[in-house]
Each structure stands twice: as C-alpha cells, then as structure tokens.
Amino acid sequence: MSEKTWDLNTEQERFKELWLQKPQNALHHTPESWNVRAEGWAKEITENGIRKKRSEQRVYETAEYLKARNVLTAQTDIIDVGCGLGRFVAEFARTARHAVGTDISPRMLELGEEFAKSQGLSNVSYVPCDFKAADLRGMGWERAFDVVFSSITPAVASPESLDKIEAMSRKYCFSSNFVFSRFDLAQRAYNAAFPGEKWCGARDGQGFYALFNLLWLRGRFPEVRYYKEEDMERLPVSQDLVTEMFRKIREDEFSGEARKKIYDFLLSEADEDGMVTCSSVVWYGWLLWRVDEQGPRNYGEI
C-alpha cells in the first residue's frame, strides 16, 4: 500500500480554493449596488410582520448566545463587518461598551444610524468602508476590538478577509454563514424560468465548511452552533415578488424574458385572492473562536 503524505500547506490551499469558488452568476459588490438594495431591505424588516419578527429573533438569539459565552459584556468593544442595516450593532450596543458597524454601502449605514437613534443608543459608530481594501493600521483597527463579528456578508468571504478580522481582534471572532436553505416556491420558479439549468447552490454551506477547516488548520478551536429559521408566508403576486424569487436563486441581472416567465409562474400558483404560499427553511452555521488560542496541526504521514 502506498503512503500518502499529509501536508499542512497543501490542505490550507485546498480549502482556500474551495472558499473562493463562487457561482458564475455571483453579484458584483459595489456601494451603488448595495445602496439600491438598502431601502427594500429596510422596508422588508419593518413592514412585513413575519420577516420583522424573524429578523429580530435571530438578532436577539445571536446576542444571547454571545452573552452566555461571556463574549459580549459591558466591557466589550465589538465591530460588525458588513453590518448592513445595523440591527446586530444596535442589539450589541444594549450590552457592550461600544459597538461599531462598517459597510460598503453608505445608505445602509445611514439607515442603521437612524435605527440606533430611534432606540436611544449613543454608544454606536458607523464607518463606511470597503473592507477588502481597508488599511487596518491607518484606520486604527489593528487589535482594536474584543470581538470582530460578521454575518452573511461578502465582506468576509475570502482567506484575506479572515486574516483581516483576526488582525482586528484582541480575543474573539464570530462568523455566521448559510449552511442550508430551501425555498420551495423559488425552486419551482427557477425551473419554470430556466428549464434544464442547474440550481446554482448559492447557500449550500461551502463557505462555512471551508472556513471551519481553515480555522482548524490554523490551530484555532472553533466552536460550532446551528440556528434554524422556518416560515410559511402568503404573499401577493407582484414584480417585487418576482425580484425576490430571483434573488433567492441567482444573484446576477436577469432578462425581461426570465422575469416574465417567473411572473407567469407565480400567477399560475396564486389563489383567488392573488396570493401565493411561500415556505422556507434556512439553517445558519455559527463559528466562534479565539485568536489568542492555538494548537499544532501537523499529522505527519497518513
């Protein structure tokens, strides 16, 4: 039997490559593209009762988890990288000494700041930043935070971004990523609009899996927890719903023809009131680790 040599660098490169693999239709992330999304997202989590409750619950449960682990305390300085509308920032600020949110979209941050003020929170800061290009030393962010937090953000989606968030932390890092999702109506809409094409699998847990292994190979001891959301909604057929269905399955721009196919499909599924039923299941994977703890990862020959 031939011997197979285990090599740390080779293993790290394997998982770096896996993490960097994106769907061919991945969205280009710019301040402008996310500014456009900001208003819709804010409307969704303030006016849609089910989604508002779901968002608030996940934010609350995340903060409770960090508090239970003694990660989020009254002495904590915490930053949310890619904070979007800043809901986590506001929740953390209720406990932390200071909470910072940073995002590529100035409009997202404006809405986040408005929300924090509406909650009477003053121990918050919002800093516009393209994290991929950020000069941590120039911004004074090297070892500046007790906790560096990120949740479902393209700002932390590469080995380089992992280096950055660890460089910012004095103690803890936290990352939340999709590990599984099922949107039954979106799947059927996709099949109607793109017959014969393969589902893109944008939320298949690949990034989570790669990140866990990279942390392990770095000698970290990542703690894993899963969080599940499951909902059933009735929504009116509209062009906004067409856009939503599309974004659950693809991230690039789509043609008028595909849009019409999705709209026609939704109409065919609607009841007499023009409503369609949308069921969804989403699993998140949470990773919490300390940057000041490390163990050897050298397994020799296997």
C-alpha atoms as a PDB file:
ATOM      1  CA  MET A   1       0.000   0.000   0.000  1.00  0.00           C
ATOM      2  CA  SER A   2       1.442   3.374  -0.974  1.00  0.00           C
ATOM      3  CA  GLU A   3       1.908   6.013   1.696  1.00  0.00           C
ATOM      4  CA  LYS A   4       0.142   9.332   1.408  1.00  0.00           C
ATOM      5  CA  THR A   5       1.873  12.345   2.916  1.00  0.00           C
ATOM      6  CA  TRP A   6      -0.267  14.933   4.680  1.00  0.00           C
ATOM      7  CA  ASP A   7       0.962  18.461   4.088  1.00  0.00           C
ATOM      8  CA  LEU A   8      -0.406  21.448   6.026  1.00  0.00           C
ATOM      9  CA  ASN A   9       0.165  23.987   3.258  1.00  0.00           C
ATOM     10  CA  THR A  10      -1.486  21.760   0.671  1.00  0.00           C
ATOM     11  CA  GLU A  11      -4.531  21.298   2.893  1.00  0.00           C
ATOM     12  CA  GLN A  12      -4.795  25.033   3.519  1.00  0.00           C
ATOM     13  CA  GLU A  13      -4.595  25.801  -0.191  1.00  0.00           C
ATOM     14  CA  ARG A  14      -7.317  23.256  -0.877  1.00  0.00           C
ATOM     15  CA  PHE A  15      -9.780  24.941   1.470  1.00  0.00           C
ATOM     16  CA  LYS A  16      -8.787  28.436   0.362  1.00  0.00           C
ATOM     17  CA  GLU A  17      -9.640  27.452  -3.204  1.00  0.00           C
ATOM     18  CA  LEU A  18     -12.935  25.931  -2.094  1.00  0.00           C
ATOM     19  CA  TRP A  19     -13.904  29.102  -0.216  1.00  0.00           C
ATOM     20  CA  LEU A  20     -13.135  31.275  -3.231  1.00  0.00           C
ATOM     21  CA  GLN A  21     -15.308  29.255  -5.605  1.00  0.00           C
ATOM     22  CA  LYS A  22     -18.365  31.358  -6.429  1.00  0.00           C
ATOM     23  CA  PRO A  23     -21.356  30.773  -8.709  1.00  0.00           C
ATOM     24  CA  GLN A  24     -20.711  32.062 -12.215  1.00  0.00           C
ATOM     25  CA  ASN A  25     -23.591  34.465 -11.727  1.00  0.00           C
ATOM     26  CA  ALA A  26     -22.265  35.986  -8.489  1.00  0.00           C
ATOM     27  CA  LEU A  27     -23.169  39.603  -7.873  1.00  0.00           C
ATOM     28  CA  HIS A  28     -20.563  42.365  -8.203  1.00  0.00           C
ATOM     29  CA  HIS A  29     -20.473  44.120  -4.842  1.00  0.00           C
ATOM     30  CA  THR A  30     -20.255  47.903  -5.069  1.00  0.00           C
ATOM     31  CA  PRO A  31     -21.511  50.774  -2.898  1.00  0.00           C
ATOM     32  CA  GLU A  32     -24.044  51.581  -5.602  1.00  0.00           C
ATOM     33  CA  SER A  33     -25.466  48.057  -5.864  1.00  0.00           C
ATOM     34  CA  TRP A  34     -25.936  47.795  -2.110  1.00  0.00           C
ATOM     35  CA  ASN A  35     -27.323  51.312  -1.810  1.00  0.00           C
ATOM     36  CA  VAL A  36     -30.060  50.218  -4.215  1.00  0.00           C
ATOM     37  CA  ARG A  37     -30.907  47.247  -2.001  1.00  0.00           C
ATOM     38  CA  ALA A  38     -30.936  49.227   1.238  1.00  0.00           C
ATOM     39  CA  GLU A  39     -34.426  50.720   1.025  1.00  0.00           C
ATOM     40  CA  GLY A  40     -36.030  47.409   0.068  1.00  0.00           C
ATOM     41  CA  TRP A  41     -34.347  45.569   2.912  1.00  0.00           C
ATOM     42  CA  ALA A  42     -35.363  48.207   5.424  1.00  0.00           C
ATOM     43  CA  LYS A  43     -38.963  48.082   4.214  1.00  0.00           C
ATOM     44  CA  GLU A  44     -38.995  44.291   4.379  1.00  0.00           C
ATOM     45  CA  ILE A  45     -37.935  44.056   8.031  1.00  0.00           C
ATOM     46  CA  THR A  46     -40.113  46.903   9.228  1.00  0.00           C
ATOM     47  CA  GLU A  47     -43.368  46.415   7.303  1.00  0.00           C
ATOM     48  CA  ASN A  48     -43.553  42.637   6.834  1.00  0.00           C
ATOM     49  CA  GLY A  49     -44.637  41.268  10.210  1.00  0.00           C
ATOM     50  CA  ILE A  50     -43.318  37.737   9.717  1.00  0.00           C
ATOM     51  CA  ARG A  51     -39.940  38.872   8.441  1.00  0.00           C
ATOM     52  CA  LYS A  52     -39.613  41.581  11.074  1.00  0.00           C
ATOM     53  CA  LYS A  53     -40.197  39.019  13.814  1.00  0.00           C
ATOM     54  CA  ARG A  54     -37.816  36.538  12.177  1.00  0.00           C
ATOM     55  CA  SER A  55     -35.050  39.133  11.832  1.00  0.00           C
ATOM     56  CA  GLU A  56     -35.476  40.413  15.379  1.00  0.00           C
ATOM     57  CA  GLN A  57     -35.450  36.875  16.767  1.00  0.00           C
ATOM     58  CA  ARG A  58     -32.214  35.905  15.011  1.00  0.00           C
ATOM     59  CA  VAL A  59     -30.511  39.122  16.121  1.00  0.00           C
ATOM     60  CA  TYR A  60     -31.694  38.588  19.705  1.00  0.00           C
ATOM     61  CA  GLU A  61     -30.702  34.899  19.800  1.00  0.00           C
ATOM     62  CA  THR A  62     -27.242  35.708  18.426  1.00  0.00           C
ATOM     63  CA  ALA A  63     -26.637  38.337  21.100  1.00  0.00           C
ATOM     64  CA  GLU A  64     -27.913  35.987  23.815  1.00  0.00           C
ATOM     65  CA  TYR A  65     -25.527  33.297  22.630  1.00  0.00           C
ATOM     66  CA  LEU A  66     -22.568  35.691  22.808  1.00  0.00           C
ATOM     67  CA  LYS A  67     -23.615  36.880  26.258  1.00  0.00           C
ATOM     68  CA  ALA A  68     -23.995  33.296  27.509  1.00  0.00           C
ATOM     69  CA  ARG A  69     -20.450  32.566  26.339  1.00  0.00           C
ATOM     70  CA  ASN A  70     -19.226  35.695  28.179  1.00  0.00           C
ATOM     71  CA  VAL A  71     -18.110  37.118  24.837  1.00  0.00           C
ATOM     72  CA  LEU A  72     -20.471  40.106  24.874  1.00  0.00           C
ATOM     73  CA  THR A  73     -20.248  42.034  28.160  1.00  0.00           C
ATOM     74  CA  ALA A  74     -20.433  45.587  29.458  1.00  0.00           C
ATOM     75  CA  GLN A  75     -16.669  45.876  28.862  1.00  0.00           C
ATOM     76  CA  THR A  76     -16.779  44.725  25.239  1.00  0.00           C
ATOM     77  CA  ASP A  77     -15.779  46.745  22.193  1.00  0.00           C
ATOM     78  CA  ILE A  78     -17.328  44.993  19.189  1.00  0.00           C
ATOM     79  CA  ILE A  79     -17.416  45.625  15.446  1.00  0.00           C
ATOM     80  CA  ASP A  80     -19.803  44.177  12.870  1.00  0.00           C
ATOM     81  CA  VAL A  81     -18.055  43.900   9.485  1.00  0.00           C
ATOM     82  CA  GLY A  82     -20.550  44.200   6.634  1.00  0.00           C
ATOM     83  CA  CYS A  83     -23.238  45.297   9.080  1.00  0.00           C
ATOM     84  CA  GLY A  84     -25.909  46.194   6.506  1.00  0.00           C
ATOM     85  CA  LEU A  85     -28.838  47.868   8.261  1.00  0.00           C
ATOM     86  CA  GLY A  86     -27.054  47.648  11.600  1.00  0.00           C
ATOM     87  CA  ARG A  87     -29.571  45.590  13.553  1.00  0.00           C
ATOM     88  CA  PHE A  88     -26.840  43.499  15.184  1.00  0.00           C
ATOM     89  CA  VAL A  89     -24.891  46.665  16.015  1.00  0.00           C
ATOM     90  CA  ALA A  90     -27.884  48.121  17.836  1.00  0.00           C
ATOM     91  CA  GLU A  91     -28.570  44.897  19.739  1.00  0.00           C
ATOM     92  CA  PHE A  92     -24.926  44.555  20.792  1.00  0.00           C
ATOM     93  CA  ALA A  93     -24.875  48.185  21.945  1.00  0.00           C
ATOM     94  CA  ARG A  94     -27.540  47.377  24.545  1.00  0.00           C
ATOM     95  CA  THR A  95     -24.851  45.376  26.379  1.00  0.00           C
ATOM     96  CA  ALA A  96     -21.428  46.385  25.025  1.00  0.00           C
ATOM     97  CA  ARG A  97     -19.263  49.340  25.960  1.00  0.00           C
ATOM     98  CA  HIS A  98     -19.169  50.375  22.308  1.00  0.00           C
ATOM     99  CA  ALA A  99     -20.438  48.855  19.055  1.00  0.00           C
ATOM    100  CA  VAL A 100     -19.178  49.761  15.581  1.00  0.00           C
ATOM    101  CA  GLY A 101     -20.792  48.929  12.254  1.00  0.00           C
ATOM    102  CA  THR A 102     -18.982  49.120   8.955  1.00  0.00           C
ATOM    103  CA  ASP A 103     -20.341  48.505   5.465  1.00  0.00           C
ATOM    104  CA  ILE A 104     -19.579  49.279   1.828  1.00  0.00           C
ATOM    105  CA  SER A 105     -22.982  50.979   1.459  1.00  0.00           C
ATOM    106  CA  PRO A 106     -23.320  54.492   2.907  1.00  0.00           C
ATOM    107  CA  ARG A 107     -27.114  54.253   2.642  1.00  0.00           C
ATOM    108  CA  MET A 108     -27.178  51.056   4.708  1.00  0.00           C
ATOM    109  CA  LEU A 109     -25.207  52.863   7.406  1.00  0.00           C
ATOM    110  CA  GLU A 110     -27.497  55.898   7.338  1.00  0.00           C
ATOM    111  CA  LEU A 111     -30.484  53.647   7.932  1.00  0.00           C
ATOM    112  CA  GLY A 112     -28.595  51.802  10.662  1.00  0.00           C
ATOM    113  CA  GLU A 113     -27.741  55.050  12.406  1.00  0.00           C
ATOM    114  CA  GLU A 114     -31.361  56.190  12.212  1.00  0.00           C
ATOM    115  CA  PHE A 115     -32.479  52.923  13.807  1.00  0.00           C
ATOM    116  CA  ALA A 116     -29.911  53.191  16.624  1.00  0.00           C
ATOM    117  CA  LYS A 117     -31.053  56.732  17.406  1.00  0.00           C
ATOM    118  CA  SER A 118     -34.676  55.601  17.451  1.00  0.00           C
ATOM    119  CA  GLN A 119     -33.662  53.056  20.105  1.00  0.00           C
ATOM    120  CA  GLY A 120     -31.941  55.706  22.240  1.00  0.00           C
ATOM    121  CA  LEU A 121     -28.481  54.215  21.705  1.00  0.00           C
ATOM    122  CA  SER A 122     -25.458  56.527  21.781  1.00  0.00           C
ATOM    123  CA  ASN A 123     -22.583  54.047  22.193  1.00  0.00           C
ATOM    124  CA  VAL A 124     -22.529  53.197  18.485  1.00  0.00           C
ATOM    125  CA  SER A 125     -20.483  54.292  15.464  1.00  0.00           C
ATOM    126  CA  TYR A 126     -20.996  53.667  11.755  1.00  0.00           C
ATOM    127  CA  VAL A 127     -17.999  53.749   9.429  1.00  0.00           C
ATOM    128  CA  PRO A 128     -18.323  53.440   5.617  1.00  0.00           C
ATOM    129  CA  CYS A 129     -15.622  51.109   4.369  1.00  0.00           C
ATOM    130  CA  ASP A 130     -14.803  48.723   1.540  1.00  0.00           C
ATOM    131  CA  PHE A 131     -13.397  46.086   3.869  1.00  0.00           C
ATOM    132  CA  LYS A 132     -11.465  44.322   1.137  1.00  0.00           C
ATOM    133  CA  ALA A 133      -9.413  47.482   0.552  1.00  0.00           C
ATOM    134  CA  ALA A 134      -9.325  48.701   4.160  1.00  0.00           C
ATOM    135  CA  ASP A 135      -5.999  49.763   5.674  1.00  0.00           C
ATOM    136  CA  LEU A 136      -6.411  48.434   9.203  1.00  0.00           C
ATOM    137  CA  ARG A 137      -3.370  50.225  10.569  1.00  0.00           C
ATOM    138  CA  GLY A 138      -4.379  53.520   9.003  1.00  0.00           C
ATOM    139  CA  MET A 139      -7.881  53.188  10.442  1.00  0.00           C
ATOM    140  CA  GLY A 140      -6.560  52.296  13.891  1.00  0.00           C
ATOM    141  CA  TRP A 141      -8.292  48.930  13.774  1.00  0.00           C
ATOM    142  CA  GLU A 142      -5.387  46.587  14.492  1.00  0.00           C
ATOM    143  CA  ARG A 143      -6.227  44.713  17.729  1.00  0.00           C
ATOM    144  CA  ALA A 144      -8.850  47.387  18.365  1.00  0.00           C
ATOM    145  CA  PHE A 145     -11.818  45.163  19.240  1.00  0.00           C
ATOM    146  CA  ASP A 146     -12.600  42.453  21.750  1.00  0.00           C
ATOM    147  CA  VAL A 147     -14.987  40.861  19.240  1.00  0.00           C
ATOM    148  CA  VAL A 148     -14.998  41.015  15.446  1.00  0.00           C
ATOM    149  CA  PHE A 149     -18.410  39.901  14.216  1.00  0.00           C
ATOM    150  CA  SER A 150     -19.709  39.114  10.729  1.00  0.00           C
ATOM    151  CA  SER A 151     -22.963  37.657   9.482  1.00  0.00           C
ATOM    152  CA  ILE A 152     -23.825  36.638   5.908  1.00  0.00           C
ATOM    153  CA  THR A 153     -21.585  39.216   4.277  1.00  0.00           C
ATOM    154  CA  PRO A 154     -19.431  39.211   1.129  1.00  0.00           C
ATOM    155  CA  ALA A 155     -17.029  41.466   3.053  1.00  0.00           C
ATOM    156  CA  VAL A 156     -15.767  38.372   4.895  1.00  0.00           C
ATOM    157  CA  ALA A 157     -15.673  35.729   2.208  1.00  0.00           C
ATOM    158  CA  SER A 158     -12.018  35.016   1.468  1.00  0.00           C
ATOM    159  CA  PRO A 159      -8.794  33.896   3.192  1.00  0.00           C
ATOM    160  CA  GLU A 160      -7.574  37.503   3.032  1.00  0.00           C
ATOM    161  CA  SER A 161     -10.644  38.718   4.904  1.00  0.00           C
ATOM    162  CA  LEU A 162     -10.046  36.025   7.527  1.00  0.00           C
ATOM    163  CA  ASP A 163      -6.545  37.430   8.047  1.00  0.00           C
ATOM    164  CA  LYS A 164      -8.048  40.879   8.476  1.00  0.00           C
ATOM    165  CA  ILE A 165     -10.725  40.041  11.000  1.00  0.00           C
ATOM    166  CA  GLU A 166      -8.225  38.112  13.112  1.00  0.00           C
ATOM    167  CA  ALA A 167      -5.810  41.055  12.938  1.00  0.00           C
ATOM    168  CA  MET A 168      -8.557  43.352  14.278  1.00  0.00           C
ATOM    169  CA  SER A 169      -9.418  41.176  17.261  1.00  0.00           C
ATOM    170  CA  ARG A 170      -7.912  41.144  20.731  1.00  0.00           C
ATOM    171  CA  LYS A 171      -9.748  37.960  21.612  1.00  0.00           C
ATOM    172  CA  TYR A 172     -12.833  36.706  19.720  1.00  0.00           C
ATOM    173  CA  CYS A 173     -14.116  36.397  16.171  1.00  0.00           C
ATOM    174  CA  PHE A 174     -17.598  35.279  15.167  1.00  0.00           C
ATOM    175  CA  SER A 175     -18.929  34.342  11.745  1.00  0.00           C
ATOM    176  CA  SER A 176     -22.445  33.352  10.679  1.00  0.00           C
ATOM    177  CA  ASN A 177     -22.989  31.736   7.276  1.00  0.00           C
ATOM    178  CA  PHE A 178     -25.692  29.889   5.415  1.00  0.00           C
ATOM    179  CA  VAL A 179     -25.299  26.117   5.575  1.00  0.00           C
ATOM    180  CA  PHE A 180     -28.594  25.068   4.018  1.00  0.00           C
ATOM    181  CA  SER A 181     -31.692  26.672   2.563  1.00  0.00           C
ATOM    182  CA  ARG A 182     -34.844  25.505   0.848  1.00  0.00           C
ATOM    183  CA  PHE A 183     -37.310  27.889  -0.790  1.00  0.00           C
ATOM    184  CA  ASP A 184     -39.880  25.632  -2.425  1.00  0.00           C
ATOM    185  CA  LEU A 185     -41.618  28.318  -4.458  1.00  0.00           C
ATOM    186  CA  ALA A 186     -38.328  29.838  -5.605  1.00  0.00           C
ATOM    187  CA  GLN A 187     -37.071  26.433  -6.727  1.00  0.00           C
ATOM    188  CA  ARG A 188     -40.163  25.862  -8.835  1.00  0.00           C
ATOM    189  CA  ALA A 189     -39.976  29.410 -10.221  1.00  0.00           C
ATOM    190  CA  TYR A 190     -36.385  28.743 -11.233  1.00  0.00           C
ATOM    191  CA  ASN A 191     -37.373  25.569 -13.040  1.00  0.00           C
ATOM    192  CA  ALA A 192     -40.069  27.493 -14.890  1.00  0.00           C
ATOM    193  CA  ALA A 193     -37.738  30.325 -15.928  1.00  0.00           C
ATOM    194  CA  PHE A 194     -34.626  28.260 -16.652  1.00  0.00           C
ATOM    195  CA  PRO A 195     -35.733  24.762 -17.679  1.00  0.00           C
ATOM    196  CA  GLY A 196     -32.867  22.317 -17.730  1.00  0.00           C
ATOM    197  CA  GLU A 197     -30.447  24.615 -15.901  1.00  0.00           C
ATOM    198  CA  LYS A 198     -28.842  23.519 -12.656  1.00  0.00           C
ATOM    199  CA  TRP A 199     -29.792  25.235  -9.408  1.00  0.00           C
ATOM    200  CA  CYS A 200     -26.848  27.485  -8.526  1.00  0.00           C
ATOM    201  CA  GLY A 201     -26.500  26.234  -4.935  1.00  0.00           C
ATOM    202  CA  ALA A 202     -25.502  29.620  -3.534  1.00  0.00           C
ATOM    203  CA  ARG A 203     -26.463  28.562   0.010  1.00  0.00           C
ATOM    204  CA  ASP A 204     -25.037  25.080   0.230  1.00  0.00           C
ATOM    205  CA  GLY A 205     -22.665  25.602   3.181  1.00  0.00           C
ATOM    206  CA  GLN A 206     -19.496  25.532   1.109  1.00  0.00           C
ATOM    207  CA  GLY A 207     -18.142  28.749   2.605  1.00  0.00           C
ATOM    208  CA  PHE A 208     -18.922  27.613   6.140  1.00  0.00           C
ATOM    209  CA  TYR A 209     -17.208  24.267   5.547  1.00  0.00           C
ATOM    210  CA  ALA A 210     -14.110  25.892   4.067  1.00  0.00           C
ATOM    211  CA  LEU A 211     -13.873  28.474   6.853  1.00  0.00           C
ATOM    212  CA  PHE A 212     -14.167  25.861   9.602  1.00  0.00           C
ATOM    213  CA  ASN A 213     -11.375  23.798   8.071  1.00  0.00           C
ATOM    214  CA  LEU A 214      -9.117  26.808   7.559  1.00  0.00           C
ATOM    215  CA  LEU A 215      -9.587  27.798  11.182  1.00  0.00           C
ATOM    216  CA  TRP A 216      -8.819  24.265  12.294  1.00  0.00           C
ATOM    217  CA  LEU A 217      -5.701  24.132  10.129  1.00  0.00           C
ATOM    218  CA  ARG A 218      -4.584  27.469  11.616  1.00  0.00           C
ATOM    219  CA  GLY A 219      -4.662  25.829  15.016  1.00  0.00           C
ATOM    220  CA  ARG A 220      -7.858  27.508  16.183  1.00  0.00           C
ATOM    221  CA  PHE A 221     -10.568  25.774  18.190  1.00  0.00           C
ATOM    222  CA  PRO A 222     -13.784  26.986  16.527  1.00  0.00           C
ATOM    223  CA  GLU A 223     -16.982  26.407  18.434  1.00  0.00           C
ATOM    224  CA  VAL A 224     -19.893  25.424  16.166  1.00  0.00           C
ATOM    225  CA  ARG A 225     -23.584  26.082  16.636  1.00  0.00           C
ATOM    226  CA  TYR A 226     -26.521  25.932  14.218  1.00  0.00           C
ATOM    227  CA  TYR A 227     -29.543  28.184  14.044  1.00  0.00           C
ATOM    228  CA  LYS A 228     -32.711  27.293  12.128  1.00  0.00           C
ATOM    229  CA  GLU A 229     -35.429  29.509  10.652  1.00  0.00           C
ATOM    230  CA  GLU A 230     -38.623  28.001   9.235  1.00  0.00           C
ATOM    231  CA  ASP A 231     -41.524  30.034   7.915  1.00  0.00           C
ATOM    232  CA  MET A 232     -44.690  29.945   5.838  1.00  0.00           C
ATOM    233  CA  GLU A 233     -45.947  33.154   4.204  1.00  0.00           C
ATOM    234  CA  ARG A 234     -48.763  34.220   1.904  1.00  0.00           C
ATOM    235  CA  LEU A 235     -47.617  36.981  -0.425  1.00  0.00           C
ATOM    236  CA  PRO A 236     -49.287  38.920  -3.250  1.00  0.00           C
ATOM    237  CA  VAL A 237     -48.024  38.281  -6.763  1.00  0.00           C
ATOM    238  CA  SER A 238     -46.109  41.371  -7.871  1.00  0.00           C
ATOM    239  CA  GLN A 239     -42.970  42.460  -9.654  1.00  0.00           C
ATOM    240  CA  ASP A 240     -41.330  42.858  -6.229  1.00  0.00           C
ATOM    241  CA  LEU A 241     -42.032  39.198  -5.540  1.00  0.00           C
ATOM    242  CA  VAL A 242     -40.540  38.283  -8.919  1.00  0.00           C
ATOM    243  CA  THR A 243     -37.340  40.082  -7.911  1.00  0.00           C
ATOM    244  CA  GLU A 244     -37.317  38.354  -4.535  1.00  0.00           C
ATOM    245  CA  MET A 245     -37.768  34.901  -6.056  1.00  0.00           C
ATOM    246  CA  PHE A 246     -34.937  35.568  -8.455  1.00  0.00           C
ATOM    247  CA  ARG A 247     -32.523  36.757  -5.801  1.00  0.00           C
ATOM    248  CA  LYS A 248     -33.078  33.610  -3.789  1.00  0.00           C
ATOM    249  CA  ILE A 249     -31.781  31.551  -6.675  1.00  0.00           C
ATOM    250  CA  ARG A 250     -29.429  33.804  -8.656  1.00  0.00           C
ATOM    251  CA  GLU A 251     -27.501  36.985  -7.918  1.00  0.00           C
ATOM    252  CA  ASP A 252     -26.819  38.388 -11.361  1.00  0.00           C
ATOM    253  CA  GLU A 253     -29.044  40.527 -13.530  1.00  0.00           C
ATOM    254  CA  PHE A 254     -31.799  38.721 -15.396  1.00  0.00           C
ATOM    255  CA  SER A 255     -33.588  39.268 -18.650  1.00  0.00           C
ATOM    256  CA  GLY A 256     -37.097  40.545 -19.214  1.00  0.00           C
ATOM    257  CA  GLU A 257     -37.998  37.166 -20.663  1.00  0.00           C
ATOM    258  CA  ALA A 258     -36.933  35.335 -17.484  1.00  0.00           C
ATOM    259  CA  ARG A 259     -38.786  37.892 -15.400  1.00  0.00           C
ATOM    260  CA  LYS A 260     -41.988  37.297 -17.384  1.00  0.00           C
ATOM    261  CA  LYS A 261     -41.660  33.530 -17.004  1.00  0.00           C
ATOM    262  CA  ILE A 262     -41.352  33.861 -13.238  1.00  0.00           C
ATOM    263  CA  TYR A 263     -44.285  36.269 -13.078  1.00  0.00           C
ATOM    264  CA  ASP A 264     -46.469  33.964 -15.179  1.00  0.00           C
ATOM    265  CA  PHE A 265     -45.483  31.028 -12.991  1.00  0.00           C
ATOM    266  CA  LEU A 266     -46.416  32.914  -9.822  1.00  0.00           C
ATOM    267  CA  LEU A 267     -49.792  33.837 -11.317  1.00  0.00           C
ATOM    268  CA  SER A 268     -50.413  30.170 -12.089  1.00  0.00           C
ATOM    269  CA  GLU A 269     -49.711  29.327  -8.430  1.00  0.00           C
ATOM    270  CA  ALA A 270     -51.843  32.133  -6.963  1.00  0.00           C
ATOM    271  CA  ASP A 271     -55.169  31.589  -5.227  1.00  0.00           C
ATOM    272  CA  GLU A 272     -58.341  33.529  -6.000  1.00  0.00           C
ATOM    273  CA  ASP A 273     -57.051  36.450  -3.907  1.00  0.00           C
ATOM    274  CA  GLY A 274     -53.871  36.692  -5.974  1.00  0.00           C
ATOM    275  CA  MET A 275     -51.729  35.299  -3.162  1.00  0.00           C
ATOM    276  CA  VAL A 276     -49.075  32.581  -3.253  1.00  0.00           C
ATOM    277  CA  THR A 277     -47.811  30.474  -0.372  1.00  0.00           C
ATOM    278  CA  CYS A 278     -44.061  30.562   0.252  1.00  0.00           C
ATOM    279  CA  SER A 279     -42.451  28.051   2.607  1.00  0.00           C
ATOM    280  CA  SER A 280     -38.805  28.291   3.573  1.00  0.00           C
ATOM    281  CA  VAL A 281     -36.212  26.564   5.729  1.00  0.00           C
ATOM    282  CA  VAL A 282     -32.850  28.192   6.391  1.00  0.00           C
ATOM    283  CA  TRP A 283     -30.029  26.841   8.527  1.00  0.00           C
ATOM    284  CA  TYR A 284     -27.179  29.092   9.657  1.00  0.00           C
ATOM    285  CA  GLY A 285     -23.821  27.890  10.903  1.00  0.00           C
ATOM    286  CA  TRP A 286     -22.198  29.940  13.654  1.00  0.00           C
ATOM    287  CA  LEU A 287     -18.459  29.831  14.277  1.00  0.00           C
ATOM    288  CA  LEU A 288     -16.924  31.390  17.393  1.00  0.00           C
ATOM    289  CA  TRP A 289     -13.206  31.267  18.030  1.00  0.00           C
ATOM    290  CA  ARG A 290     -10.419  32.945  19.968  1.00  0.00           C
ATOM    291  CA  VAL A 291      -7.457  34.425  18.127  1.00  0.00           C
ATOM    292  CA  ASP A 292      -5.234  34.100  21.214  1.00  0.00           C
ATOM    293  CA  GLU A 293      -5.557  30.313  21.418  1.00  0.00           C
ATOM    294  CA  GLN A 294      -3.752  27.965  19.050  1.00  0.00           C
ATOM    295  CA  GLY A 295      -2.738  24.333  18.834  1.00  0.00           C
ATOM    296  CA  PRO A 296      -0.397  22.405  16.498  1.00  0.00           C
ATOM    297  CA  ARG A 297      -1.841  20.889  13.316  1.00  0.00           C
ATOM    298  CA  ASN A 298       0.751  18.524  11.919  1.00  0.00           C
ATOM    299  CA  TYR A 299      -0.440  14.982  11.384  1.00  0.00           C
ATOM    300  CA  GLY A 300       2.637  13.624   9.637  1.00  0.00           C
ATOM    301  CA  GLU A 301       2.199  10.717   7.258  1.00  0.00           C
ATOM    302  CA  ILE A 302      -1.165   9.022   6.902  1.00  0.00           C
END
